[in-house]
């Protein structure tokens, strides 16, 4: 099983960072269900713009925390490096 840290671009052009073990399901939740994060629920639709893959959820959560400390500009640089 893989675990993911991801960045979403919201409809207001803000960025949201999260982690999950099922990227497709989580993206669907963010865009369509009440179980999506409140932040993204009010900024739909969201678009997946960046992912990293890890072997454990602990690693994914640590990376999520690290990315959440980044400035918007640092997140954009990170996203551009993955292209």
C-alpha atoms as a PDB file:
ATOM      1  CA  UNK A   1       0.000   0.000   0.000  1.00  0.00           C
ATOM      2  CA  UNK A   2       1.173   3.507  -0.808  1.00  0.00           C
ATOM      3  CA  UNK A   3       0.563   6.728   1.082  1.00  0.00           C
ATOM      4  CA  UNK A   4       0.432  10.170  -0.466  1.00  0.00           C
ATOM      5  CA  UNK A   5       1.066  13.778   0.432  1.00  0.00           C
ATOM      6  CA  UNK A   6      -0.681  16.103  -1.978  1.00  0.00           C
ATOM      7  CA  UNK A   7      -1.388  19.711  -2.863  1.00  0.00           C
ATOM      8  CA  UNK A   8      -4.711  20.872  -4.285  1.00  0.00           C
ATOM      9  CA  UNK A   9      -5.415  24.129  -6.082  1.00  0.00           C
ATOM     10  CA  UNK A  10      -8.820  25.448  -5.008  1.00  0.00           C
ATOM     11  CA  UNK A  11     -11.265  27.478  -7.105  1.00  0.00           C
ATOM     12  CA  UNK A  12     -10.087  30.680  -5.378  1.00  0.00           C
ATOM     13  CA  UNK A  13      -6.470  29.796  -6.379  1.00  0.00           C
ATOM     14  CA  UNK A  14      -5.486  28.973  -2.799  1.00  0.00           C
ATOM     15  CA  UNK A  15      -3.475  25.813  -2.067  1.00  0.00           C
ATOM     16  CA  UNK A  16      -4.443  22.986   0.294  1.00  0.00           C
ATOM     17  CA  UNK A  17      -2.030  20.303   1.520  1.00  0.00           C
ATOM     18  CA  UNK A  18      -3.087  16.904   2.848  1.00  0.00           C
ATOM     19  CA  UNK A  19      -2.206  13.216   3.037  1.00  0.00           C
ATOM     20  CA  UNK A  20      -4.086   9.985   2.343  1.00  0.00           C
ATOM     21  CA  UNK A  21      -3.761   6.312   1.465  1.00  0.00           C
ATOM     22  CA  UNK A  22      -6.283   6.543  -1.413  1.00  0.00           C
ATOM     23  CA  UNK A  23      -5.700   9.540  -3.669  1.00  0.00           C
ATOM     24  CA  UNK A  24      -8.681   8.978  -5.993  1.00  0.00           C
ATOM     25  CA  UNK A  25     -11.118   8.556  -3.116  1.00  0.00           C
ATOM     26  CA  UNK A  26      -9.771  11.576  -1.247  1.00  0.00           C
ATOM     27  CA  UNK A  27      -9.935  13.823  -4.303  1.00  0.00           C
ATOM     28  CA  UNK A  28     -13.549  12.723  -4.831  1.00  0.00           C
ATOM     29  CA  UNK A  29     -14.300  13.547  -1.167  1.00  0.00           C
ATOM     30  CA  UNK A  30     -12.745  17.006  -1.494  1.00  0.00           C
ATOM     31  CA  UNK A  31     -14.829  17.767  -4.584  1.00  0.00           C
ATOM     32  CA  UNK A  32     -18.157  16.062  -3.863  1.00  0.00           C
ATOM     33  CA  UNK A  33     -18.784  14.873  -0.303  1.00  0.00           C
ATOM     34  CA  UNK A  34     -19.384  16.337   3.128  1.00  0.00           C
ATOM     35  CA  UNK A  35     -16.410  14.301   4.362  1.00  0.00           C
ATOM     36  CA  UNK A  36     -14.033  16.532   2.400  1.00  0.00           C
ATOM     37  CA  UNK A  37     -12.098  19.068   4.436  1.00  0.00           C
ATOM     38  CA  UNK A  38     -14.121  22.177   5.334  1.00  0.00           C
ATOM     39  CA  UNK A  39     -11.449  24.354   3.729  1.00  0.00           C
ATOM     40  CA  UNK A  40     -11.951  22.703   0.340  1.00  0.00           C
ATOM     41  CA  UNK A  41     -15.737  22.288   0.644  1.00  0.00           C
ATOM     42  CA  UNK A  42     -16.212  26.040   0.385  1.00  0.00           C
ATOM     43  CA  UNK A  43     -13.607  26.389  -2.391  1.00  0.00           C
ATOM     44  CA  UNK A  44     -14.762  23.762  -4.878  1.00  0.00           C
ATOM     45  CA  UNK A  45     -13.858  22.549  -7.379  1.00  0.00           C
ATOM     46  CA  UNK A  46     -10.339  21.583  -6.407  1.00  0.00           C
ATOM     47  CA  UNK A  47      -7.626  20.260  -8.709  1.00  0.00           C
ATOM     48  CA  UNK A  48      -4.801  17.893  -7.782  1.00  0.00           C
ATOM     49  CA  UNK A  49      -1.569  19.696  -8.673  1.00  0.00           C
ATOM     50  CA  UNK A  50       1.133  17.778  -6.766  1.00  0.00           C
ATOM     51  CA  UNK A  51       1.721  14.392  -5.100  1.00  0.00           C
ATOM     52  CA  UNK A  52       4.530  12.543  -3.357  1.00  0.00           C
ATOM     53  CA  UNK A  53       4.398   8.825  -2.516  1.00  0.00           C
ATOM     54  CA  UNK A  54       5.566   7.206   0.735  1.00  0.00           C
ATOM     55  CA  UNK A  55       5.747   3.735   2.257  1.00  0.00           C
ATOM     56  CA  UNK A  56       4.085   4.697   5.560  1.00  0.00           C
ATOM     57  CA  UNK A  57       1.376   7.115   6.634  1.00  0.00           C
ATOM     58  CA  UNK A  58       3.775   8.478   9.230  1.00  0.00           C
ATOM     59  CA  UNK A  59       6.182   9.577   6.486  1.00  0.00           C
ATOM     60  CA  UNK A  60       3.330  11.117   4.479  1.00  0.00           C
ATOM     61  CA  UNK A  61       2.040  13.055   7.502  1.00  0.00           C
ATOM     62  CA  UNK A  62       5.524  14.332   8.359  1.00  0.00           C
ATOM     63  CA  UNK A  63       5.926  15.570   4.787  1.00  0.00           C
ATOM     64  CA  UNK A  64       2.443  17.133   4.898  1.00  0.00           C
ATOM     65  CA  UNK A  65       3.436  19.036   8.024  1.00  0.00           C
ATOM     66  CA  UNK A  66       6.701  20.179   6.422  1.00  0.00           C
ATOM     67  CA  UNK A  67       4.941  21.410   3.273  1.00  0.00           C
ATOM     68  CA  UNK A  68       2.334  23.246   5.358  1.00  0.00           C
ATOM     69  CA  UNK A  69       5.206  25.288   6.808  1.00  0.00           C
ATOM     70  CA  UNK A  70       6.206  26.447   3.304  1.00  0.00           C
ATOM     71  CA  UNK A  71       5.214  29.817   1.933  1.00  0.00           C
ATOM     72  CA  UNK A  72       2.908  29.853  -1.087  1.00  0.00           C
ATOM     73  CA  UNK A  73       5.913  30.690  -3.257  1.00  0.00           C
ATOM     74  CA  UNK A  74       7.868  27.692  -1.927  1.00  0.00           C
ATOM     75  CA  UNK A  75       4.895  25.406  -2.671  1.00  0.00           C
ATOM     76  CA  UNK A  76       4.716  26.729  -6.236  1.00  0.00           C
ATOM     77  CA  UNK A  77       8.449  26.057  -6.735  1.00  0.00           C
ATOM     78  CA  UNK A  78       7.944  22.522  -5.389  1.00  0.00           C
ATOM     79  CA  UNK A  79       5.042  21.935  -7.779  1.00  0.00           C
ATOM     80  CA  UNK A  80       7.042  23.227 -10.749  1.00  0.00           C
ATOM     81  CA  UNK A  81       9.960  20.908  -9.965  1.00  0.00           C
ATOM     82  CA  UNK A  82       7.662  17.901 -10.294  1.00  0.00           C
ATOM     83  CA  UNK A  83       6.674  18.717 -13.893  1.00  0.00           C
END
